[in-house]
Amino acid sequence: LSSSAPLDAVVRRRVVNALGWSIGDECVSTITHKDWWLEVGDVSTITHEDWLKVGDVGKVVGPGDSSGTDNAQRLLVEFRDGKRLNMLAKKQIITVAEHRRQVVRLAFQHVLKEAANDPE
């Protein structure tokens, strides 16, 4: 009997790739999600520091595994402390490179705004 594990790995990789990502890719959260600990951890120990925040870096570990109707658009992403969350591939995560571009653009806009307000 042959194992279905290699086939499962191929299918998982194809599902992830179809959403524009690869298993192992680093990604950055574009959302704050305070309730994620309710799904994966002990509610009694939740603090603000435990929230998933905009800018948190994670790693794509596979296709989404939720039971929601939008699961086909979700990827399973592992964040700090091994916590995993189903994230919308096109709306809730971006690449590290895109995050860097956004940070630089915002910093540049801030500098321009400050320069425009400088009376000298």
N, C-alpha and C. Protein backbone atom coordinates (compact mmCIF):
# COMPACT_ATOMS: atom_id res chain seq x y z
N LEU A 1 0.83 -1.19 0.00
CA LEU A 1 0.00 0.00 0.00
C LEU A 1 0.88 1.25 0.00
N SER A 2 0.52 2.18 -0.83
CA SER A 2 1.29 3.43 -0.85
C SER A 2 0.63 4.46 0.05
N SER A 3 1.45 5.31 0.59
CA SER A 3 0.96 6.35 1.49
C SER A 3 0.39 7.51 0.69
N SER A 4 -0.64 8.14 1.23
CA SER A 4 -1.21 9.31 0.57
C SER A 4 -0.52 10.59 1.02
N ALA A 5 0.43 10.49 1.92
CA ALA A 5 1.12 11.68 2.45
C ALA A 5 1.77 12.52 1.36
N PRO A 6 2.52 11.93 0.40
CA PRO A 6 3.11 12.75 -0.65
C PRO A 6 2.05 13.45 -1.49
N LEU A 7 0.95 12.76 -1.79
CA LEU A 7 -0.13 13.37 -2.55
C LEU A 7 -0.75 14.51 -1.76
N ASP A 8 -0.98 14.30 -0.47
CA ASP A 8 -1.52 15.35 0.38
C ASP A 8 -0.62 16.58 0.37
N ALA A 9 0.68 16.38 0.42
CA ALA A 9 1.64 17.49 0.41
C ALA A 9 1.56 18.25 -0.91
N VAL A 10 1.41 17.54 -2.01
CA VAL A 10 1.31 18.17 -3.33
C VAL A 10 0.03 18.99 -3.41
N VAL A 11 -1.07 18.42 -2.97
CA VAL A 11 -2.35 19.13 -3.00
C VAL A 11 -2.29 20.38 -2.13
N ARG A 12 -1.75 20.25 -0.92
CA ARG A 12 -1.63 21.40 -0.02
C ARG A 12 -0.79 22.50 -0.66
N ARG A 13 0.32 22.12 -1.27
CA ARG A 13 1.20 23.09 -1.92
C ARG A 13 0.48 23.78 -3.08
N ARG A 14 -0.27 23.03 -3.88
CA ARG A 14 -1.00 23.62 -5.01
C ARG A 14 -2.09 24.58 -4.56
N VAL A 15 -2.78 24.24 -3.49
CA VAL A 15 -3.83 25.13 -2.96
C VAL A 15 -3.20 26.44 -2.50
N VAL A 16 -2.11 26.35 -1.78
CA VAL A 16 -1.41 27.55 -1.29
C VAL A 16 -0.89 28.36 -2.47
N ASN A 17 -0.27 27.71 -3.45
CA ASN A 17 0.28 28.40 -4.60
C ASN A 17 -0.81 29.11 -5.40
N ALA A 18 -1.98 28.51 -5.49
CA ALA A 18 -3.09 29.11 -6.24
C ALA A 18 -3.53 30.44 -5.61
N LEU A 19 -3.24 30.61 -4.34
CA LEU A 19 -3.57 31.87 -3.66
C LEU A 19 -2.42 32.86 -3.71
N GLY A 20 -1.35 32.54 -4.43
CA GLY A 20 -0.24 33.46 -4.61
C GLY A 20 0.87 33.34 -3.58
N TRP A 21 0.85 32.28 -2.79
CA TRP A 21 1.84 32.09 -1.74
C TRP A 21 2.47 30.71 -1.87
N SER A 22 3.54 30.50 -1.12
CA SER A 22 4.17 29.18 -1.03
C SER A 22 4.28 28.81 0.45
N ILE A 23 4.20 27.53 0.73
CA ILE A 23 4.40 27.08 2.10
C ILE A 23 5.81 27.48 2.53
N GLY A 24 5.90 28.09 3.69
CA GLY A 24 7.19 28.58 4.20
C GLY A 24 7.41 30.06 3.98
N ASP A 25 6.58 30.71 3.14
CA ASP A 25 6.72 32.15 2.92
C ASP A 25 6.46 32.91 4.21
N GLU A 26 7.28 33.94 4.45
CA GLU A 26 6.99 34.85 5.55
C GLU A 26 5.96 35.86 5.07
N CYS A 27 5.08 36.23 5.98
CA CYS A 27 4.04 37.20 5.66
C CYS A 27 3.86 38.14 6.84
N VAL A 28 3.15 39.23 6.60
CA VAL A 28 2.91 40.24 7.63
C VAL A 28 1.42 40.45 7.75
N SER A 29 0.92 40.46 8.98
CA SER A 29 -0.50 40.68 9.22
C SER A 29 -0.89 42.12 8.91
N THR A 30 -2.03 42.29 8.26
CA THR A 30 -2.57 43.63 8.00
C THR A 30 -3.75 43.91 8.92
N ILE A 31 -4.00 43.02 9.88
CA ILE A 31 -5.14 43.19 10.78
C ILE A 31 -4.71 43.03 12.24
N THR A 32 -5.52 43.59 13.11
CA THR A 32 -5.42 43.32 14.54
C THR A 32 -6.56 42.38 14.87
N HIS A 33 -6.26 41.32 15.57
CA HIS A 33 -7.29 40.32 15.87
C HIS A 33 -7.15 39.94 17.33
N LYS A 34 -7.97 40.57 18.17
CA LYS A 34 -7.84 40.34 19.61
C LYS A 34 -8.43 39.01 20.03
N ASP A 35 -9.32 38.46 19.24
CA ASP A 35 -10.00 37.24 19.64
C ASP A 35 -9.28 35.97 19.21
N TRP A 36 -8.12 36.09 18.57
CA TRP A 36 -7.46 34.88 18.06
C TRP A 36 -7.06 33.96 19.19
N TRP A 37 -6.78 34.52 20.36
CA TRP A 37 -6.41 33.66 21.49
C TRP A 37 -7.59 32.82 21.95
N LEU A 38 -8.80 33.32 21.72
CA LEU A 38 -9.99 32.56 22.08
C LEU A 38 -10.04 31.26 21.29
N GLU A 39 -9.49 31.30 20.07
CA GLU A 39 -9.51 30.13 19.20
C GLU A 39 -8.38 29.16 19.52
N VAL A 40 -7.27 29.69 20.05
CA VAL A 40 -6.08 28.84 20.15
C VAL A 40 -5.46 28.77 21.54
N GLY A 41 -5.97 29.52 22.50
CA GLY A 41 -5.29 29.53 23.78
C GLY A 41 -6.22 29.62 24.97
N ASP A 42 -5.62 29.85 26.10
CA ASP A 42 -6.32 29.94 27.37
C ASP A 42 -6.84 31.37 27.54
N VAL A 43 -8.16 31.54 27.53
CA VAL A 43 -8.79 32.85 27.60
C VAL A 43 -8.40 33.61 28.86
N SER A 44 -8.19 32.92 29.95
CA SER A 44 -7.90 33.58 31.22
C SER A 44 -6.56 34.30 31.24
N THR A 45 -5.69 34.01 30.29
CA THR A 45 -4.36 34.62 30.30
C THR A 45 -4.18 35.66 29.19
N ILE A 46 -5.25 36.04 28.50
CA ILE A 46 -5.14 36.99 27.39
C ILE A 46 -4.78 38.39 27.91
N THR A 47 -3.80 39.01 27.27
CA THR A 47 -3.46 40.40 27.52
C THR A 47 -3.36 41.09 26.17
N HIS A 48 -3.29 42.41 26.20
CA HIS A 48 -3.15 43.18 24.95
C HIS A 48 -1.93 42.70 24.17
N GLU A 49 -0.88 42.30 24.86
CA GLU A 49 0.34 41.84 24.19
C GLU A 49 0.12 40.56 23.40
N ASP A 50 -0.91 39.80 23.74
CA ASP A 50 -1.19 38.54 23.06
C ASP A 50 -1.94 38.72 21.75
N TRP A 51 -2.53 39.87 21.53
CA TRP A 51 -3.31 40.09 20.32
C TRP A 51 -2.42 39.96 19.09
N LEU A 52 -2.99 39.47 18.03
CA LEU A 52 -2.33 39.56 16.73
C LEU A 52 -2.47 41.01 16.29
N LYS A 53 -1.36 41.61 15.89
CA LYS A 53 -1.38 43.03 15.54
C LYS A 53 -0.91 43.25 14.10
N VAL A 54 -1.32 44.38 13.55
CA VAL A 54 -0.81 44.80 12.25
C VAL A 54 0.71 44.84 12.35
N GLY A 55 1.38 44.21 11.39
CA GLY A 55 2.84 44.20 11.38
C GLY A 55 3.46 42.94 11.97
N ASP A 56 2.66 42.10 12.63
CA ASP A 56 3.20 40.84 13.14
C ASP A 56 3.60 39.94 11.97
N VAL A 57 4.75 39.32 12.09
CA VAL A 57 5.28 38.45 11.03
C VAL A 57 4.92 37.00 11.34
N GLY A 58 4.49 36.31 10.31
CA GLY A 58 4.17 34.89 10.43
C GLY A 58 4.72 34.11 9.26
N LYS A 59 4.42 32.82 9.24
CA LYS A 59 4.89 31.95 8.17
C LYS A 59 3.70 31.12 7.67
N VAL A 60 3.54 31.08 6.35
CA VAL A 60 2.48 30.27 5.75
C VAL A 60 2.83 28.80 5.95
N VAL A 61 1.90 28.05 6.57
CA VAL A 61 2.16 26.64 6.84
C VAL A 61 1.24 25.71 6.07
N GLY A 62 0.23 26.26 5.39
CA GLY A 62 -0.66 25.41 4.60
C GLY A 62 -1.93 26.13 4.22
N PRO A 63 -2.81 25.41 3.54
CA PRO A 63 -4.11 25.98 3.20
C PRO A 63 -4.95 26.13 4.46
N GLY A 64 -5.96 27.00 4.39
CA GLY A 64 -6.84 27.20 5.53
C GLY A 64 -7.50 25.91 5.96
N ASP A 65 -7.78 25.81 7.25
CA ASP A 65 -8.42 24.60 7.76
C ASP A 65 -9.67 24.92 8.58
N SER A 66 -10.24 26.11 8.32
CA SER A 66 -11.46 26.47 9.05
C SER A 66 -12.67 25.87 8.36
N SER A 67 -13.80 25.95 9.01
CA SER A 67 -15.03 25.40 8.44
C SER A 67 -15.90 26.48 7.81
N GLY A 68 -15.39 27.70 7.74
CA GLY A 68 -16.16 28.81 7.19
C GLY A 68 -16.34 28.72 5.69
N THR A 69 -17.29 29.49 5.18
CA THR A 69 -17.60 29.47 3.75
C THR A 69 -16.48 30.09 2.91
N ASP A 70 -15.62 30.90 3.53
CA ASP A 70 -14.52 31.53 2.79
C ASP A 70 -13.19 30.79 2.98
N ASN A 71 -13.24 29.57 3.45
CA ASN A 71 -12.00 28.84 3.72
C ASN A 71 -11.12 28.68 2.49
N ALA A 72 -11.71 28.61 1.30
CA ALA A 72 -10.92 28.44 0.08
C ALA A 72 -10.01 29.65 -0.18
N GLN A 73 -10.30 30.78 0.44
CA GLN A 73 -9.47 31.98 0.28
C GLN A 73 -8.51 32.18 1.45
N ARG A 74 -8.47 31.22 2.35
CA ARG A 74 -7.66 31.37 3.56
C ARG A 74 -6.41 30.48 3.54
N LEU A 75 -5.38 30.98 4.23
CA LEU A 75 -4.17 30.22 4.45
C LEU A 75 -3.98 30.08 5.95
N LEU A 76 -3.37 28.98 6.34
CA LEU A 76 -3.03 28.78 7.73
C LEU A 76 -1.65 29.39 7.96
N VAL A 77 -1.59 30.36 8.86
CA VAL A 77 -0.34 31.09 9.13
C VAL A 77 0.04 30.88 10.59
N GLU A 78 1.31 30.57 10.80
CA GLU A 78 1.83 30.41 12.15
C GLU A 78 2.54 31.68 12.57
N PHE A 79 2.11 32.22 13.73
CA PHE A 79 2.71 33.42 14.28
C PHE A 79 3.50 33.05 15.52
N ARG A 80 3.88 34.04 16.30
CA ARG A 80 4.72 33.83 17.49
C ARG A 80 4.15 32.75 18.41
N ASP A 81 5.02 32.13 19.10
CA ASP A 81 4.65 31.10 20.07
C ASP A 81 3.92 29.92 19.43
N GLY A 82 4.07 29.75 18.12
CA GLY A 82 3.44 28.62 17.44
C GLY A 82 1.95 28.74 17.26
N LYS A 83 1.39 29.92 17.54
CA LYS A 83 -0.05 30.11 17.39
C LYS A 83 -0.38 30.21 15.90
N ARG A 84 -1.44 29.51 15.49
CA ARG A 84 -1.84 29.48 14.08
C ARG A 84 -3.21 30.12 13.90
N LEU A 85 -3.36 30.79 12.77
CA LEU A 85 -4.62 31.46 12.47
C LEU A 85 -4.89 31.36 10.98
N ASN A 86 -6.16 31.14 10.63
CA ASN A 86 -6.58 31.15 9.23
C ASN A 86 -6.72 32.60 8.79
N MET A 87 -5.94 32.99 7.79
CA MET A 87 -5.92 34.38 7.32
C MET A 87 -6.36 34.44 5.86
N LEU A 88 -7.13 35.47 5.50
CA LEU A 88 -7.51 35.66 4.10
C LEU A 88 -6.25 36.03 3.32
N ALA A 89 -5.94 35.23 2.32
CA ALA A 89 -4.68 35.37 1.59
C ALA A 89 -4.54 36.70 0.86
N LYS A 90 -5.63 37.26 0.39
CA LYS A 90 -5.57 38.48 -0.41
C LYS A 90 -5.89 39.75 0.39
N LYS A 91 -6.35 39.60 1.64
CA LYS A 91 -6.78 40.77 2.40
C LYS A 91 -6.11 40.94 3.75
N GLN A 92 -5.69 39.86 4.38
CA GLN A 92 -5.23 39.96 5.76
C GLN A 92 -3.73 39.74 5.95
N ILE A 93 -3.04 39.39 4.87
CA ILE A 93 -1.58 39.25 4.93
C ILE A 93 -0.96 39.84 3.67
N ILE A 94 0.26 40.33 3.83
CA ILE A 94 1.05 40.83 2.70
C ILE A 94 2.46 40.27 2.84
N THR A 95 3.23 40.39 1.77
CA THR A 95 4.61 39.92 1.82
C THR A 95 5.45 40.86 2.68
N VAL A 96 6.56 40.36 3.16
CA VAL A 96 7.49 41.19 3.94
C VAL A 96 7.99 42.34 3.08
N ALA A 97 8.26 42.09 1.81
CA ALA A 97 8.73 43.15 0.90
C ALA A 97 7.68 44.24 0.75
N GLU A 98 6.42 43.86 0.59
CA GLU A 98 5.34 44.87 0.48
C GLU A 98 5.21 45.66 1.77
N HIS A 99 5.35 44.99 2.90
CA HIS A 99 5.29 45.69 4.19
C HIS A 99 6.39 46.73 4.28
N ARG A 100 7.59 46.36 3.86
CA ARG A 100 8.72 47.31 3.88
C ARG A 100 8.43 48.51 2.98
N ARG A 101 7.88 48.25 1.78
CA ARG A 101 7.55 49.35 0.86
C ARG A 101 6.54 50.30 1.51
N GLN A 102 5.54 49.74 2.17
CA GLN A 102 4.52 50.57 2.82
C GLN A 102 5.12 51.41 3.94
N VAL A 103 6.01 50.82 4.73
CA VAL A 103 6.64 51.54 5.83
C VAL A 103 7.49 52.69 5.29
N VAL A 104 8.26 52.44 4.24
CA VAL A 104 9.09 53.48 3.64
C VAL A 104 8.22 54.59 3.06
N ARG A 105 7.15 54.21 2.37
CA ARG A 105 6.24 55.21 1.78
C ARG A 105 5.63 56.09 2.87
N LEU A 106 5.19 55.49 3.96
CA LEU A 106 4.61 56.27 5.05
C LEU A 106 5.64 57.18 5.70
N ALA A 107 6.85 56.69 5.86
CA ALA A 107 7.91 57.51 6.44
C ALA A 107 8.23 58.70 5.52
N PHE A 108 8.28 58.45 4.23
CA PHE A 108 8.55 59.51 3.26
C PHE A 108 7.43 60.54 3.28
N GLN A 109 6.19 60.09 3.34
CA GLN A 109 5.05 61.02 3.40
C GLN A 109 5.12 61.87 4.66
N HIS A 110 5.54 61.28 5.75
CA HIS A 110 5.68 62.01 7.01
C HIS A 110 6.76 63.09 6.89
N VAL A 111 7.88 62.73 6.29
CA VAL A 111 8.97 63.70 6.10
C VAL A 111 8.49 64.85 5.23
N LEU A 112 7.79 64.55 4.14
CA LEU A 112 7.28 65.61 3.27
C LEU A 112 6.30 66.52 4.00
N LYS A 113 5.44 65.93 4.81
CA LYS A 113 4.47 66.72 5.57
C LYS A 113 5.18 67.63 6.56
N GLU A 114 6.18 67.10 7.26
CA GLU A 114 6.94 67.90 8.21
C GLU A 114 7.67 69.04 7.49
N ALA A 115 8.23 68.75 6.32
CA ALA A 115 8.96 69.77 5.56
C ALA A 115 8.00 70.86 5.10
N ALA A 116 6.80 70.48 4.73
CA ALA A 116 5.82 71.48 4.27
C ALA A 116 5.36 72.37 5.43
N ASN A 117 5.40 71.87 6.65
CA ASN A 117 4.99 72.64 7.82
C ASN A 117 6.14 73.43 8.45
N ASP A 118 7.37 73.20 7.97
CA ASP A 118 8.54 73.88 8.54
C ASP A 118 8.57 75.32 8.00
N PRO A 119 8.59 76.32 8.88
CA PRO A 119 8.57 77.71 8.42
C PRO A 119 9.86 78.18 7.77
N GLU A 120 10.93 77.46 7.91
CA GLU A 120 12.23 77.89 7.33
C GLU A 120 12.31 77.62 5.89
